[in-house]
């Protein structure tokens, strides 16, 4: 390669670099102008946005305080609820135990009453009904004896036939 060719290539390369730099400069100027226009449009909105941001911060702080209060209150309510549930559980356990004891006592009283009723019935049967039966038996015997003594010595034909038929 010759020096002239090299020099021409170098001039072409420098010219291309210069053109690229001019295009970049034009692009940057276009971006700068667009940003200026955007800044002019956004500038009036910035104070309003800052007000909204400040109000949002205040609201967030208030909400945070309320959330802390709600959390604290909820925790206290849960603690009280746990205590009350423990008391209710204890009360139900106690009531259940007492009910079982009372049922066992009632069953024992009922068993004792049934035993006493049975004893009373057997006492009545042996002490009252047996003598009544005996007296009834004696009275039946006396009645039969009077009936036998009160009839004539000779049996009637019907009675004699009946006695014979029974004997045979």
Foldseek 3Di string as FASTA:
>chain_A
DDVVVVVVVVVVVVVVVVVVVVVVVVVVVVVVVVVVVVCVVCVVVVVVVVVVVVVVVVVVVVVVVVVVVVVVVVVVVVVVVVVVVVVVVVVVVVVVVVVVVVVVVVVVVVVVVVVVVVVVVVCCCVVPVVVVVVVVVVVVVVVVVCVVVVDDPDDDPVVVVVVVVVVD
